[in-house]
Amino acid sequence: MIPDQIYFKNREVAAYRLLDILPIESMKLENWTVIASSYGGFQIAKIIADTLEAKLDIMFSEKIVAPCNDECEIAVVTEHEEVLIHEELVKAFDISLDYIYSTSKQVYETTLLRRVAKFRHGNKIEDLENKNVLIVDEGINTGLTMMACIKTAINLKAKSVSVATPILPTASIPTIESIADDLFYIKKLDHFIAINFYYDSLEDINYEDIEKINKG
């Protein structure tokens, strides 16, 4: 018999299971900014932020894919122009850094700036200097997006940067723990398939959805 691989009914359930493992009472003794690292993580981040009575935000980012394979993620660029590169893939496919940085600049100018303008009226994510930051997502695949968000928060001089996610590949843990102050997760998997495989219901989230969640 094949064991049931669904660990979470939906994002709301995943959020409350994360709350069970987060040191909420000690966290409430300090001020936190909770940041979603993706649209999919925004609902989870909202529930956690409300519990902590913390500020909620989202770090906009976009994937950069290989020139001849739009399924192959080779880099991520954030709204602060932080570019994180999957070095092994770039070397394997012999992709030039010029291509990555020129594409990142184009994506930043044509996509990310528009999102920032719409969500925060043109203001990039707030100054994080001397603030505790908790970055939240619905799950982690390659870890590129999360690492890019962590590095952006560090560059914005956050006092501490922690990560909370319901599920992630075991292989991603050492990389994240190497630069994050804390990593909180419910389930780690040696053989990770895809985030939606482990949720019973994981509806697509678009920009309009996060606006509704933010106002709610």
N, C-alpha and C. Protein backbone atom coordinates (compact mmCIF):
# COMPACT_ATOMS: atom_id res chain seq x y z
N MET A 1 0.84 -1.21 0.00
CA MET A 1 0.00 0.00 0.00
C MET A 1 0.87 1.25 0.00
N ILE A 2 0.56 2.19 -0.89
CA ILE A 2 1.34 3.43 -0.97
C ILE A 2 0.85 4.39 0.11
N PRO A 3 1.75 4.89 0.95
CA PRO A 3 1.33 5.80 2.01
C PRO A 3 0.83 7.12 1.46
N ASP A 4 -0.09 7.74 2.19
CA ASP A 4 -0.64 9.03 1.78
C ASP A 4 0.46 10.09 1.87
N GLN A 5 0.69 10.78 0.75
CA GLN A 5 1.75 11.78 0.72
C GLN A 5 1.23 13.20 0.93
N ILE A 6 -0.09 13.35 1.15
CA ILE A 6 -0.64 14.68 1.38
C ILE A 6 -0.48 15.02 2.86
N TYR A 7 0.25 16.10 3.13
CA TYR A 7 0.53 16.48 4.51
C TYR A 7 -0.33 17.65 4.99
N PHE A 8 -0.87 18.44 4.05
CA PHE A 8 -1.64 19.62 4.43
C PHE A 8 -2.92 19.70 3.60
N LYS A 9 -4.03 19.99 4.26
CA LYS A 9 -5.29 20.12 3.54
C LYS A 9 -5.26 21.34 2.63
N ASN A 10 -4.77 22.46 3.15
CA ASN A 10 -4.70 23.71 2.39
C ASN A 10 -3.72 24.65 3.08
N ARG A 11 -3.59 25.87 2.56
CA ARG A 11 -2.65 26.82 3.13
C ARG A 11 -3.02 27.23 4.55
N GLU A 12 -4.31 27.37 4.82
CA GLU A 12 -4.74 27.78 6.16
C GLU A 12 -4.33 26.75 7.20
N VAL A 13 -4.56 25.49 6.91
CA VAL A 13 -4.16 24.42 7.82
C VAL A 13 -2.64 24.43 8.02
N ALA A 14 -1.91 24.61 6.93
CA ALA A 14 -0.44 24.66 7.01
C ALA A 14 0.02 25.81 7.90
N ALA A 15 -0.67 26.95 7.79
CA ALA A 15 -0.31 28.12 8.60
C ALA A 15 -0.48 27.83 10.08
N TYR A 16 -1.58 27.21 10.45
CA TYR A 16 -1.82 26.94 11.88
C TYR A 16 -0.90 25.84 12.41
N ARG A 17 -0.50 24.95 11.54
CA ARG A 17 0.49 23.95 11.97
C ARG A 17 1.86 24.60 12.17
N LEU A 18 2.17 25.60 11.37
CA LEU A 18 3.41 26.35 11.58
C LEU A 18 3.35 27.11 12.90
N LEU A 19 2.20 27.69 13.19
CA LEU A 19 2.05 28.42 14.46
C LEU A 19 2.31 27.51 15.66
N ASP A 20 1.99 26.23 15.50
CA ASP A 20 2.21 25.28 16.60
C ASP A 20 3.69 25.08 16.91
N ILE A 21 4.55 25.27 15.90
CA ILE A 21 5.98 25.03 16.14
C ILE A 21 6.79 26.32 16.30
N LEU A 22 6.17 27.45 15.99
CA LEU A 22 6.87 28.73 16.17
C LEU A 22 6.85 29.14 17.65
N PRO A 23 7.94 29.71 18.16
CA PRO A 23 7.97 30.17 19.56
C PRO A 23 7.21 31.50 19.70
N ILE A 24 5.90 31.43 19.52
CA ILE A 24 5.08 32.64 19.41
C ILE A 24 5.21 33.55 20.63
N GLU A 25 5.13 32.98 21.82
CA GLU A 25 5.14 33.83 23.02
C GLU A 25 6.44 34.60 23.16
N SER A 26 7.58 33.95 22.88
CA SER A 26 8.85 34.67 22.96
C SER A 26 9.00 35.65 21.81
N MET A 27 8.46 35.30 20.65
CA MET A 27 8.52 36.21 19.51
C MET A 27 7.71 37.48 19.78
N LYS A 28 6.61 37.34 20.50
CA LYS A 28 5.76 38.50 20.80
C LYS A 28 6.46 39.53 21.69
N LEU A 29 7.56 39.14 22.30
CA LEU A 29 8.31 40.07 23.14
C LEU A 29 9.10 41.08 22.31
N GLU A 30 9.19 40.82 21.01
CA GLU A 30 9.91 41.72 20.11
C GLU A 30 9.01 42.10 18.94
N ASN A 31 9.44 43.09 18.18
CA ASN A 31 8.69 43.51 17.01
C ASN A 31 9.17 42.74 15.78
N TRP A 32 8.22 42.23 15.02
CA TRP A 32 8.55 41.43 13.84
C TRP A 32 7.89 42.00 12.59
N THR A 33 8.56 41.79 11.47
CA THR A 33 7.96 42.03 10.16
C THR A 33 7.88 40.67 9.48
N VAL A 34 6.69 40.27 9.09
CA VAL A 34 6.49 38.98 8.42
C VAL A 34 6.38 39.23 6.92
N ILE A 35 7.23 38.55 6.16
CA ILE A 35 7.30 38.78 4.72
C ILE A 35 7.04 37.48 3.96
N ALA A 36 6.08 37.50 3.06
CA ALA A 36 5.86 36.36 2.18
C ALA A 36 6.88 36.42 1.05
N SER A 37 7.44 35.27 0.70
CA SER A 37 8.41 35.24 -0.39
C SER A 37 7.77 34.86 -1.73
N SER A 38 6.43 34.67 -1.71
CA SER A 38 5.72 34.36 -2.95
C SER A 38 4.24 34.67 -2.75
N TYR A 39 3.49 34.74 -3.84
CA TYR A 39 2.04 34.91 -3.73
C TYR A 39 1.44 33.75 -2.92
N GLY A 40 1.92 32.54 -3.20
CA GLY A 40 1.39 31.37 -2.52
C GLY A 40 1.61 31.38 -1.02
N GLY A 41 2.66 32.06 -0.58
CA GLY A 41 2.96 32.12 0.84
C GLY A 41 2.26 33.25 1.57
N PHE A 42 1.54 34.10 0.82
CA PHE A 42 0.99 35.32 1.43
C PHE A 42 -0.11 35.01 2.45
N GLN A 43 -0.99 34.07 2.13
CA GLN A 43 -2.06 33.73 3.07
C GLN A 43 -1.49 33.17 4.37
N ILE A 44 -0.47 32.33 4.26
CA ILE A 44 0.17 31.76 5.45
C ILE A 44 0.85 32.87 6.25
N ALA A 45 1.55 33.77 5.55
CA ALA A 45 2.21 34.89 6.21
C ALA A 45 1.21 35.79 6.92
N LYS A 46 0.05 35.99 6.31
CA LYS A 46 -1.00 36.84 6.90
C LYS A 46 -1.48 36.27 8.24
N ILE A 47 -1.72 34.97 8.28
CA ILE A 47 -2.19 34.33 9.51
C ILE A 47 -1.14 34.44 10.61
N ILE A 48 0.11 34.23 10.24
CA ILE A 48 1.19 34.33 11.23
C ILE A 48 1.37 35.77 11.70
N ALA A 49 1.34 36.72 10.76
CA ALA A 49 1.49 38.14 11.11
C ALA A 49 0.37 38.59 12.04
N ASP A 50 -0.86 38.17 11.75
CA ASP A 50 -1.99 38.55 12.62
C ASP A 50 -1.80 38.00 14.03
N THR A 51 -1.31 36.78 14.13
CA THR A 51 -1.08 36.17 15.45
C THR A 51 0.00 36.92 16.23
N LEU A 52 1.03 37.34 15.52
CA LEU A 52 2.14 38.06 16.15
C LEU A 52 1.84 39.55 16.32
N GLU A 53 0.73 40.00 15.72
CA GLU A 53 0.42 41.44 15.65
C GLU A 53 1.58 42.18 15.01
N ALA A 54 2.08 41.57 13.92
CA ALA A 54 3.25 42.10 13.22
C ALA A 54 2.86 42.71 11.88
N LYS A 55 3.76 43.50 11.34
CA LYS A 55 3.56 44.07 10.01
C LYS A 55 3.68 42.97 8.97
N LEU A 56 2.81 43.00 7.97
CA LEU A 56 2.82 42.02 6.89
C LEU A 56 3.28 42.67 5.60
N ASP A 57 4.11 41.96 4.85
CA ASP A 57 4.55 42.47 3.55
C ASP A 57 4.86 41.29 2.64
N ILE A 58 5.24 41.58 1.42
CA ILE A 58 5.63 40.55 0.46
C ILE A 58 6.88 41.03 -0.27
N MET A 59 7.80 40.13 -0.51
CA MET A 59 9.00 40.45 -1.29
C MET A 59 8.75 39.97 -2.72
N PHE A 60 8.57 40.91 -3.63
CA PHE A 60 8.33 40.54 -5.01
C PHE A 60 9.62 40.05 -5.66
N SER A 61 9.50 38.98 -6.41
CA SER A 61 10.66 38.43 -7.11
C SER A 61 10.18 37.76 -8.39
N GLU A 62 11.11 37.45 -9.25
CA GLU A 62 10.76 36.79 -10.52
C GLU A 62 11.88 35.83 -10.90
N LYS A 63 11.49 34.70 -11.46
CA LYS A 63 12.47 33.70 -11.89
C LYS A 63 13.06 34.07 -13.24
N ILE A 64 14.32 33.71 -13.42
CA ILE A 64 14.99 33.81 -14.71
C ILE A 64 15.20 32.39 -15.20
N VAL A 65 14.76 32.10 -16.42
CA VAL A 65 14.85 30.73 -16.93
C VAL A 65 15.92 30.63 -18.01
N ALA A 66 16.33 29.40 -18.29
CA ALA A 66 17.36 29.14 -19.30
C ALA A 66 16.86 29.58 -20.68
N PRO A 67 17.75 30.03 -21.55
CA PRO A 67 17.35 30.55 -22.87
C PRO A 67 16.51 29.59 -23.70
N CYS A 68 16.80 28.31 -23.63
CA CYS A 68 16.10 27.34 -24.47
C CYS A 68 15.19 26.40 -23.69
N ASN A 69 14.93 26.73 -22.41
CA ASN A 69 14.11 25.85 -21.59
C ASN A 69 13.39 26.68 -20.53
N ASP A 70 12.13 27.01 -20.80
CA ASP A 70 11.40 27.88 -19.87
C ASP A 70 10.94 27.15 -18.62
N GLU A 71 11.31 25.88 -18.48
CA GLU A 71 11.01 25.13 -17.26
C GLU A 71 12.22 25.06 -16.33
N CYS A 72 13.36 25.55 -16.83
CA CYS A 72 14.61 25.44 -16.08
C CYS A 72 14.95 26.79 -15.42
N GLU A 73 14.77 26.86 -14.11
CA GLU A 73 15.03 28.08 -13.35
C GLU A 73 16.52 28.20 -13.05
N ILE A 74 17.15 29.25 -13.56
CA ILE A 74 18.59 29.40 -13.37
C ILE A 74 18.96 30.56 -12.43
N ALA A 75 17.99 31.43 -12.14
CA ALA A 75 18.28 32.57 -11.26
C ALA A 75 16.97 33.19 -10.79
N VAL A 76 17.08 34.05 -9.78
CA VAL A 76 15.94 34.80 -9.25
C VAL A 76 16.39 36.23 -9.02
N VAL A 77 15.53 37.19 -9.36
CA VAL A 77 15.81 38.60 -9.10
C VAL A 77 14.69 39.15 -8.22
N THR A 78 15.05 39.90 -7.18
CA THR A 78 14.06 40.47 -6.27
C THR A 78 13.82 41.95 -6.60
N GLU A 79 12.85 42.52 -5.91
CA GLU A 79 12.48 43.92 -6.15
C GLU A 79 13.59 44.89 -5.77
N HIS A 80 14.59 44.42 -5.01
CA HIS A 80 15.75 45.26 -4.70
C HIS A 80 16.94 44.91 -5.60
N GLU A 81 16.65 44.23 -6.71
CA GLU A 81 17.65 43.85 -7.72
C GLU A 81 18.71 42.90 -7.18
N GLU A 82 18.36 42.17 -6.14
CA GLU A 82 19.23 41.10 -5.67
C GLU A 82 19.07 39.93 -6.64
N VAL A 83 20.18 39.46 -7.21
CA VAL A 83 20.13 38.35 -8.16
C VAL A 83 20.84 37.16 -7.55
N LEU A 84 20.12 36.04 -7.47
CA LEU A 84 20.71 34.81 -6.96
C LEU A 84 20.74 33.80 -8.09
N ILE A 85 21.91 33.22 -8.33
CA ILE A 85 22.13 32.36 -9.49
C ILE A 85 22.32 30.91 -9.07
N HIS A 86 21.70 30.00 -9.80
CA HIS A 86 21.92 28.56 -9.62
C HIS A 86 23.19 28.21 -10.39
N GLU A 87 24.32 28.28 -9.69
CA GLU A 87 25.62 28.20 -10.36
C GLU A 87 25.84 26.87 -11.09
N GLU A 88 25.38 25.78 -10.51
CA GLU A 88 25.59 24.47 -11.15
C GLU A 88 24.87 24.38 -12.49
N LEU A 89 23.64 24.86 -12.55
CA LEU A 89 22.89 24.82 -13.80
C LEU A 89 23.48 25.76 -14.83
N VAL A 90 23.90 26.93 -14.38
CA VAL A 90 24.50 27.91 -15.29
C VAL A 90 25.75 27.34 -15.95
N LYS A 91 26.56 26.66 -15.15
CA LYS A 91 27.78 26.04 -15.70
C LYS A 91 27.43 24.87 -16.61
N ALA A 92 26.45 24.07 -16.20
CA ALA A 92 26.07 22.89 -16.98
C ALA A 92 25.56 23.26 -18.36
N PHE A 93 24.80 24.36 -18.44
CA PHE A 93 24.23 24.78 -19.72
C PHE A 93 25.07 25.87 -20.39
N ASP A 94 26.21 26.20 -19.78
CA ASP A 94 27.12 27.20 -20.35
C ASP A 94 26.39 28.51 -20.66
N ILE A 95 25.66 29.00 -19.65
CA ILE A 95 24.90 30.24 -19.80
C ILE A 95 25.75 31.41 -19.29
N SER A 96 25.85 32.45 -20.08
CA SER A 96 26.72 33.57 -19.70
C SER A 96 26.08 34.43 -18.62
N LEU A 97 26.94 35.02 -17.80
CA LEU A 97 26.45 35.92 -16.76
C LEU A 97 25.82 37.17 -17.38
N ASP A 98 26.32 37.55 -18.55
CA ASP A 98 25.74 38.70 -19.25
C ASP A 98 24.26 38.46 -19.54
N TYR A 99 23.95 37.23 -19.98
CA TYR A 99 22.55 36.89 -20.26
C TYR A 99 21.72 37.00 -18.99
N ILE A 100 22.23 36.46 -17.88
CA ILE A 100 21.48 36.46 -16.63
C ILE A 100 21.23 37.88 -16.13
N TYR A 101 22.28 38.70 -16.13
CA TYR A 101 22.12 40.05 -15.58
C TYR A 101 21.31 40.96 -16.50
N SER A 102 21.46 40.80 -17.79
CA SER A 102 20.66 41.62 -18.71
C SER A 102 19.18 41.21 -18.64
N THR A 103 18.92 39.91 -18.54
CA THR A 103 17.53 39.44 -18.40
C THR A 103 16.95 39.88 -17.07
N SER A 104 17.75 39.80 -16.02
CA SER A 104 17.30 40.23 -14.70
C SER A 104 16.91 41.71 -14.70
N LYS A 105 17.72 42.51 -15.35
CA LYS A 105 17.44 43.95 -15.43
C LYS A 105 16.14 44.21 -16.19
N GLN A 106 15.95 43.47 -17.26
CA GLN A 106 14.73 43.62 -18.05
C GLN A 106 13.50 43.21 -17.24
N VAL A 107 13.59 42.08 -16.54
CA VAL A 107 12.49 41.60 -15.72
C VAL A 107 12.20 42.59 -14.59
N TYR A 108 13.25 43.11 -13.99
CA TYR A 108 13.09 44.08 -12.90
C TYR A 108 12.34 45.32 -13.39
N GLU A 109 12.74 45.82 -14.55
CA GLU A 109 12.16 47.07 -15.05
C GLU A 109 10.75 46.89 -15.60
N THR A 110 10.48 45.75 -16.23
CA THR A 110 9.19 45.57 -16.88
C THR A 110 8.15 44.88 -16.01
N THR A 111 8.60 44.11 -15.02
CA THR A 111 7.65 43.34 -14.21
C THR A 111 7.66 43.75 -12.74
N LEU A 112 8.83 43.71 -12.12
CA LEU A 112 8.87 43.92 -10.67
C LEU A 112 8.51 45.36 -10.27
N LEU A 113 9.01 46.32 -11.03
CA LEU A 113 8.69 47.72 -10.69
C LEU A 113 7.19 47.99 -10.79
N ARG A 114 6.53 47.34 -11.73
CA ARG A 114 5.07 47.50 -11.87
C ARG A 114 4.34 46.95 -10.65
N ARG A 115 4.79 45.79 -10.18
CA ARG A 115 4.16 45.19 -9.00
C ARG A 115 4.35 46.07 -7.77
N VAL A 116 5.57 46.58 -7.61
CA VAL A 116 5.88 47.45 -6.47
C VAL A 116 5.03 48.71 -6.55
N ALA A 117 4.91 49.28 -7.75
CA ALA A 117 4.13 50.50 -7.93
C ALA A 117 2.67 50.28 -7.57
N LYS A 118 2.16 49.12 -7.93
CA LYS A 118 0.75 48.81 -7.68
C LYS A 118 0.49 48.49 -6.21
N PHE A 119 1.37 47.71 -5.60
CA PHE A 119 1.14 47.23 -4.24
C PHE A 119 1.51 48.27 -3.19
N ARG A 120 2.60 48.98 -3.40
CA ARG A 120 3.07 49.95 -2.39
C ARG A 120 3.20 51.35 -2.96
N HIS A 121 2.50 51.62 -4.02
CA HIS A 121 2.52 52.94 -4.65
C HIS A 121 3.93 53.39 -5.00
N GLY A 122 4.72 52.45 -5.49
CA GLY A 122 6.06 52.77 -5.96
C GLY A 122 7.16 52.59 -4.94
N ASN A 123 6.80 52.35 -3.69
CA ASN A 123 7.82 52.18 -2.65
C ASN A 123 8.27 50.73 -2.57
N LYS A 124 9.58 50.53 -2.54
CA LYS A 124 10.10 49.17 -2.35
C LYS A 124 9.82 48.75 -0.91
N ILE A 125 10.05 47.47 -0.65
CA ILE A 125 9.78 46.94 0.69
C ILE A 125 10.47 47.82 1.74
N GLU A 126 9.79 48.00 2.86
CA GLU A 126 10.23 48.98 3.86
C GLU A 126 11.64 48.72 4.37
N ASP A 127 12.24 49.76 4.90
CA ASP A 127 13.56 49.66 5.51
C ASP A 127 13.50 48.64 6.66
N LEU A 128 14.35 47.65 6.60
CA LEU A 128 14.33 46.58 7.61
C LEU A 128 15.44 46.72 8.64
N GLU A 129 16.12 47.84 8.65
CA GLU A 129 17.26 48.01 9.54
C GLU A 129 16.85 47.80 11.00
N ASN A 130 17.61 46.91 11.68
CA ASN A 130 17.42 46.59 13.10
C ASN A 130 16.05 45.98 13.41
N LYS A 131 15.45 45.33 12.41
CA LYS A 131 14.15 44.69 12.64
C LYS A 131 14.27 43.17 12.50
N ASN A 132 13.45 42.47 13.25
CA ASN A 132 13.39 41.01 13.12
C ASN A 132 12.46 40.66 11.96
N VAL A 133 12.95 39.85 11.06
CA VAL A 133 12.19 39.49 9.86
C VAL A 133 11.93 37.99 9.84
N LEU A 134 10.67 37.63 9.59
CA LEU A 134 10.31 36.23 9.40
C LEU A 134 9.81 36.09 7.96
N ILE A 135 10.55 35.33 7.16
CA ILE A 135 10.17 35.12 5.76
C ILE A 135 9.40 33.81 5.66
N VAL A 136 8.24 33.87 5.04
CA VAL A 136 7.32 32.73 5.02
C VAL A 136 6.98 32.32 3.60
N ASP A 137 6.89 31.01 3.36
CA ASP A 137 6.39 30.52 2.08
C ASP A 137 5.57 29.26 2.30
N GLU A 138 4.82 28.86 1.27
CA GLU A 138 3.98 27.66 1.36
C GLU A 138 4.80 26.38 1.24
N GLY A 139 6.04 26.51 0.81
CA GLY A 139 6.95 25.39 0.63
C GLY A 139 8.16 25.87 -0.13
N ILE A 140 9.20 25.07 -0.16
CA ILE A 140 10.43 25.44 -0.85
C ILE A 140 10.78 24.35 -1.85
N ASN A 141 11.04 24.75 -3.08
CA ASN A 141 11.47 23.80 -4.10
C ASN A 141 13.00 23.82 -4.20
N THR A 142 13.53 24.65 -5.08
CA THR A 142 14.99 24.73 -5.23
C THR A 142 15.64 25.55 -4.13
N GLY A 143 14.88 26.46 -3.54
CA GLY A 143 15.43 27.33 -2.50
C GLY A 143 15.98 28.64 -3.04
N LEU A 144 16.02 28.81 -4.36
CA LEU A 144 16.58 30.03 -4.95
C LEU A 144 15.80 31.28 -4.52
N THR A 145 14.47 31.21 -4.62
CA THR A 145 13.67 32.38 -4.26
C THR A 145 13.84 32.73 -2.79
N MET A 146 13.80 31.73 -1.94
CA MET A 146 13.96 31.98 -0.50
C MET A 146 15.33 32.56 -0.19
N MET A 147 16.37 32.02 -0.81
CA MET A 147 17.71 32.53 -0.57
C MET A 147 17.85 33.97 -1.05
N ALA A 148 17.23 34.29 -2.17
CA ALA A 148 17.27 35.66 -2.69
C ALA A 148 16.58 36.61 -1.73
N CYS A 149 15.47 36.18 -1.15
CA CYS A 149 14.74 37.01 -0.19
C CYS A 149 15.53 37.19 1.10
N ILE A 150 16.16 36.13 1.56
CA ILE A 150 16.99 36.21 2.77
C ILE A 150 18.12 37.21 2.55
N LYS A 151 18.80 37.08 1.42
CA LYS A 151 19.93 37.97 1.15
C LYS A 151 19.49 39.41 1.01
N THR A 152 18.30 39.63 0.43
CA THR A 152 17.78 40.98 0.32
C THR A 152 17.52 41.57 1.70
N ALA A 153 16.91 40.77 2.58
CA ALA A 153 16.65 41.25 3.95
C ALA A 153 17.94 41.54 4.70
N ILE A 154 18.94 40.70 4.51
CA ILE A 154 20.24 40.93 5.15
C ILE A 154 20.86 42.23 4.63
N ASN A 155 20.80 42.45 3.33
CA ASN A 155 21.34 43.67 2.74
C ASN A 155 20.59 44.91 3.19
N LEU A 156 19.33 44.74 3.59
CA LEU A 156 18.55 45.85 4.12
C LEU A 156 18.77 46.03 5.63
N LYS A 157 19.78 45.31 6.14
CA LYS A 157 20.26 45.46 7.51
C LYS A 157 19.27 45.01 8.58
N ALA A 158 18.54 43.93 8.27
CA ALA A 158 17.63 43.36 9.26
C ALA A 158 18.43 42.90 10.48
N LYS A 159 17.83 43.03 11.65
CA LYS A 159 18.47 42.60 12.90
C LYS A 159 18.61 41.08 12.90
N SER A 160 17.57 40.38 12.47
CA SER A 160 17.60 38.93 12.35
C SER A 160 16.70 38.52 11.19
N VAL A 161 17.02 37.38 10.58
CA VAL A 161 16.21 36.87 9.47
C VAL A 161 15.93 35.40 9.73
N SER A 162 14.66 35.07 9.91
CA SER A 162 14.25 33.69 10.13
C SER A 162 13.33 33.25 9.00
N VAL A 163 13.21 31.95 8.83
CA VAL A 163 12.41 31.38 7.75
C VAL A 163 11.41 30.39 8.33
N ALA A 164 10.17 30.43 7.83
CA ALA A 164 9.16 29.46 8.23
C ALA A 164 8.46 28.92 6.99
N THR A 165 8.42 27.62 6.86
CA THR A 165 7.77 26.98 5.71
C THR A 165 7.21 25.62 6.14
N PRO A 166 6.06 25.24 5.64
CA PRO A 166 5.50 23.94 6.03
C PRO A 166 6.34 22.76 5.56
N ILE A 167 6.91 22.85 4.35
CA ILE A 167 7.59 21.69 3.78
C ILE A 167 8.74 22.12 2.89
N LEU A 168 9.79 21.29 2.87
CA LEU A 168 10.95 21.61 2.03
C LEU A 168 11.79 20.36 1.81
N PRO A 169 12.66 20.39 0.79
CA PRO A 169 13.58 19.26 0.57
C PRO A 169 14.67 19.27 1.64
N THR A 170 15.05 18.10 2.09
CA THR A 170 16.13 18.00 3.08
C THR A 170 17.40 18.68 2.57
N ALA A 171 17.65 18.58 1.27
CA ALA A 171 18.87 19.15 0.68
C ALA A 171 18.94 20.66 0.80
N SER A 172 17.80 21.33 0.95
CA SER A 172 17.79 22.80 1.04
C SER A 172 18.12 23.31 2.44
N ILE A 173 18.01 22.43 3.44
CA ILE A 173 18.15 22.89 4.82
C ILE A 173 19.54 23.47 5.13
N PRO A 174 20.64 22.80 4.80
CA PRO A 174 21.96 23.36 5.15
C PRO A 174 22.20 24.73 4.51
N THR A 175 21.75 24.91 3.28
CA THR A 175 21.96 26.19 2.59
C THR A 175 21.22 27.31 3.29
N ILE A 176 19.96 27.07 3.64
CA ILE A 176 19.17 28.10 4.30
C ILE A 176 19.71 28.37 5.71
N GLU A 177 20.03 27.31 6.43
CA GLU A 177 20.54 27.49 7.79
C GLU A 177 21.90 28.19 7.81
N SER A 178 22.62 28.16 6.69
CA SER A 178 23.94 28.80 6.66
C SER A 178 23.85 30.32 6.72
N ILE A 179 22.69 30.90 6.32
CA ILE A 179 22.59 32.36 6.36
C ILE A 179 21.39 32.88 7.16
N ALA A 180 20.41 32.03 7.46
CA ALA A 180 19.26 32.46 8.25
C ALA A 180 19.54 32.23 9.73
N ASP A 181 18.95 33.05 10.57
CA ASP A 181 19.15 32.89 12.02
C ASP A 181 18.39 31.68 12.55
N ASP A 182 17.19 31.45 12.00
CA ASP A 182 16.40 30.29 12.41
C ASP A 182 15.62 29.77 11.21
N LEU A 183 15.40 28.47 11.19
CA LEU A 183 14.58 27.84 10.16
C LEU A 183 13.54 26.97 10.84
N PHE A 184 12.26 27.25 10.57
CA PHE A 184 11.16 26.49 11.15
C PHE A 184 10.42 25.77 10.04
N TYR A 185 10.22 24.47 10.19
CA TYR A 185 9.50 23.71 9.18
C TYR A 185 8.79 22.54 9.84
N ILE A 186 7.77 22.03 9.16
CA ILE A 186 7.00 20.90 9.68
C ILE A 186 7.51 19.59 9.11
N LYS A 187 7.75 19.57 7.81
CA LYS A 187 8.13 18.32 7.15
C LYS A 187 9.30 18.55 6.20
N LYS A 188 10.31 17.69 6.30
CA LYS A 188 11.41 17.69 5.34
C LYS A 188 11.39 16.35 4.61
N LEU A 189 11.74 16.38 3.32
CA LEU A 189 11.68 15.18 2.50
C LEU A 189 12.97 14.98 1.72
N ASP A 190 13.49 13.77 1.78
CA ASP A 190 14.70 13.46 1.02
C ASP A 190 14.42 13.42 -0.48
N HIS A 191 13.24 12.95 -0.84
CA HIS A 191 12.86 12.86 -2.26
C HIS A 191 11.67 13.77 -2.50
N PHE A 192 11.99 15.02 -2.78
CA PHE A 192 10.96 16.06 -2.91
C PHE A 192 10.46 16.10 -4.36
N ILE A 193 9.13 16.17 -4.52
CA ILE A 193 8.57 16.20 -5.88
C ILE A 193 8.23 17.64 -6.29
N ALA A 194 7.19 18.18 -5.72
CA ALA A 194 6.77 19.57 -5.96
C ALA A 194 5.84 19.96 -4.83
N ILE A 195 5.78 21.26 -4.54
CA ILE A 195 5.01 21.73 -3.39
C ILE A 195 3.55 21.27 -3.45
N ASN A 196 2.91 21.43 -4.62
CA ASN A 196 1.48 21.12 -4.70
C ASN A 196 1.18 19.64 -4.51
N PHE A 197 2.17 18.79 -4.63
CA PHE A 197 1.98 17.36 -4.43
C PHE A 197 1.61 17.03 -3.00
N TYR A 198 2.01 17.90 -2.06
CA TYR A 198 1.84 17.61 -0.64
C TYR A 198 0.66 18.34 0.00
N TYR A 199 -0.10 19.07 -0.84
CA TYR A 199 -1.31 19.73 -0.38
C TYR A 199 -2.53 19.08 -1.04
N ASP A 200 -3.59 18.94 -0.26
CA ASP A 200 -4.84 18.43 -0.84
C ASP A 200 -5.44 19.47 -1.78
N SER A 201 -5.34 20.74 -1.38
CA SER A 201 -5.86 21.84 -2.19
C SER A 201 -4.87 22.99 -2.17
N LEU A 202 -4.39 23.36 -3.34
CA LEU A 202 -3.44 24.47 -3.44
C LEU A 202 -3.81 25.29 -4.67
N GLU A 203 -4.76 26.17 -4.49
CA GLU A 203 -5.25 26.98 -5.60
C GLU A 203 -4.21 28.01 -6.03
N ASP A 204 -4.24 28.34 -7.32
CA ASP A 204 -3.34 29.37 -7.83
C ASP A 204 -3.69 30.71 -7.20
N ILE A 205 -2.66 31.47 -6.87
CA ILE A 205 -2.84 32.79 -6.27
C ILE A 205 -2.27 33.84 -7.22
N ASN A 206 -3.04 34.88 -7.53
CA ASN A 206 -2.54 35.96 -8.37
C ASN A 206 -2.47 37.26 -7.58
N TYR A 207 -2.10 38.33 -8.25
CA TYR A 207 -1.93 39.61 -7.56
C TYR A 207 -3.23 40.07 -6.90
N GLU A 208 -4.34 39.93 -7.62
CA GLU A 208 -5.63 40.36 -7.08
C GLU A 208 -5.97 39.61 -5.79
N ASP A 209 -5.57 38.35 -5.74
CA ASP A 209 -5.83 37.55 -4.53
C ASP A 209 -5.06 38.09 -3.33
N ILE A 210 -3.79 38.46 -3.53
CA ILE A 210 -3.03 38.94 -2.37
C ILE A 210 -3.54 40.29 -1.91
N GLU A 211 -4.08 41.09 -2.82
CA GLU A 211 -4.67 42.35 -2.41
C GLU A 211 -5.89 42.10 -1.52
N LYS A 212 -6.71 41.11 -1.88
CA LYS A 212 -7.88 40.76 -1.08
C LYS A 212 -7.47 40.24 0.29
N ILE A 213 -6.45 39.36 0.29
CA ILE A 213 -5.96 38.80 1.55
C ILE A 213 -5.40 39.91 2.44
N ASN A 214 -4.68 40.83 1.85
CA ASN A 214 -4.06 41.93 2.59
C ASN A 214 -5.12 42.83 3.23
N LYS A 215 -6.21 43.09 2.49
CA LYS A 215 -7.28 43.95 3.02
C LYS A 215 -8.14 43.22 4.04
N GLY A 216 -8.16 41.87 3.92
CA GLY A 216 -9.00 41.09 4.83
C GLY A 216 -8.38 40.95 6.19
